[in-house]
C-alpha cells in the first residue's frame, strides 16, 4: 500500500494498492478495489513459479497422472477383452431399488466406499471391471461385455460375460450394406 490518488475516482488515499481492472493494472483506493483483482507482486509470482517447478510438485503431478491412467485402464482392458456395459447405471439402480438400500448400505455389501458407489449410481463414474464383476457375482446380473480384436484391428463386441456366436463389427455391417446395393 502506498499514498496517492486513485486512478478510478481520483480521490486522495493513504491506502493505494495496485489492482487489475478490466485487464489493466491501476493504482486504486480501497473503495474502488472492488472493481478489480489485486495484482501479485513480482516476489509472489516468483514464489508461485518456484513452487510449480519444484521437484516435490512435479512428483505429485506425475503420481496423479499415473493413478488416473491406472484408474482408466481398469475400466477397459484390451488384455482381458472385457469392458463394463454402457447401461450399467440402470442395472445397478434396479438392484438398489429392489432391495430398498441406501447408497451406504449398498456400498457396505460391496465393501466399497460410499462416495465411489454414489458416483457410479449417478452415472458420473463407470465402475472398474473388478467392482462390476463383484456385482455380477453377488447379484447374478450382466455388467461386463467381452470383445476381441479381429484381424482388421476393429473390436467385435459380444454382450454378456459368456461367449457369443454373433460377433459383428462395423466393417461387417458396411460389407453387408454394400452387398445389398449390388
Foldseek 3Di string as FASTA:
>chain_A
DAWDAAPPPRDTDRDWAWWQAPNRTTTHDPVCNVRGHGDDDPVVVVVVVCVCPPPVNVVVVVVVVVVVVVQVCQQQPQVQQKHFDDPPLVVVVCVCVVVVHDLVVVCVVLVHDSVVSVCCNVVNDPDGPVSQVSCCVVPVDFGMWGWHQPPVRFIFIDGGPDDDPDGDGVVNVVVVVVVVVD
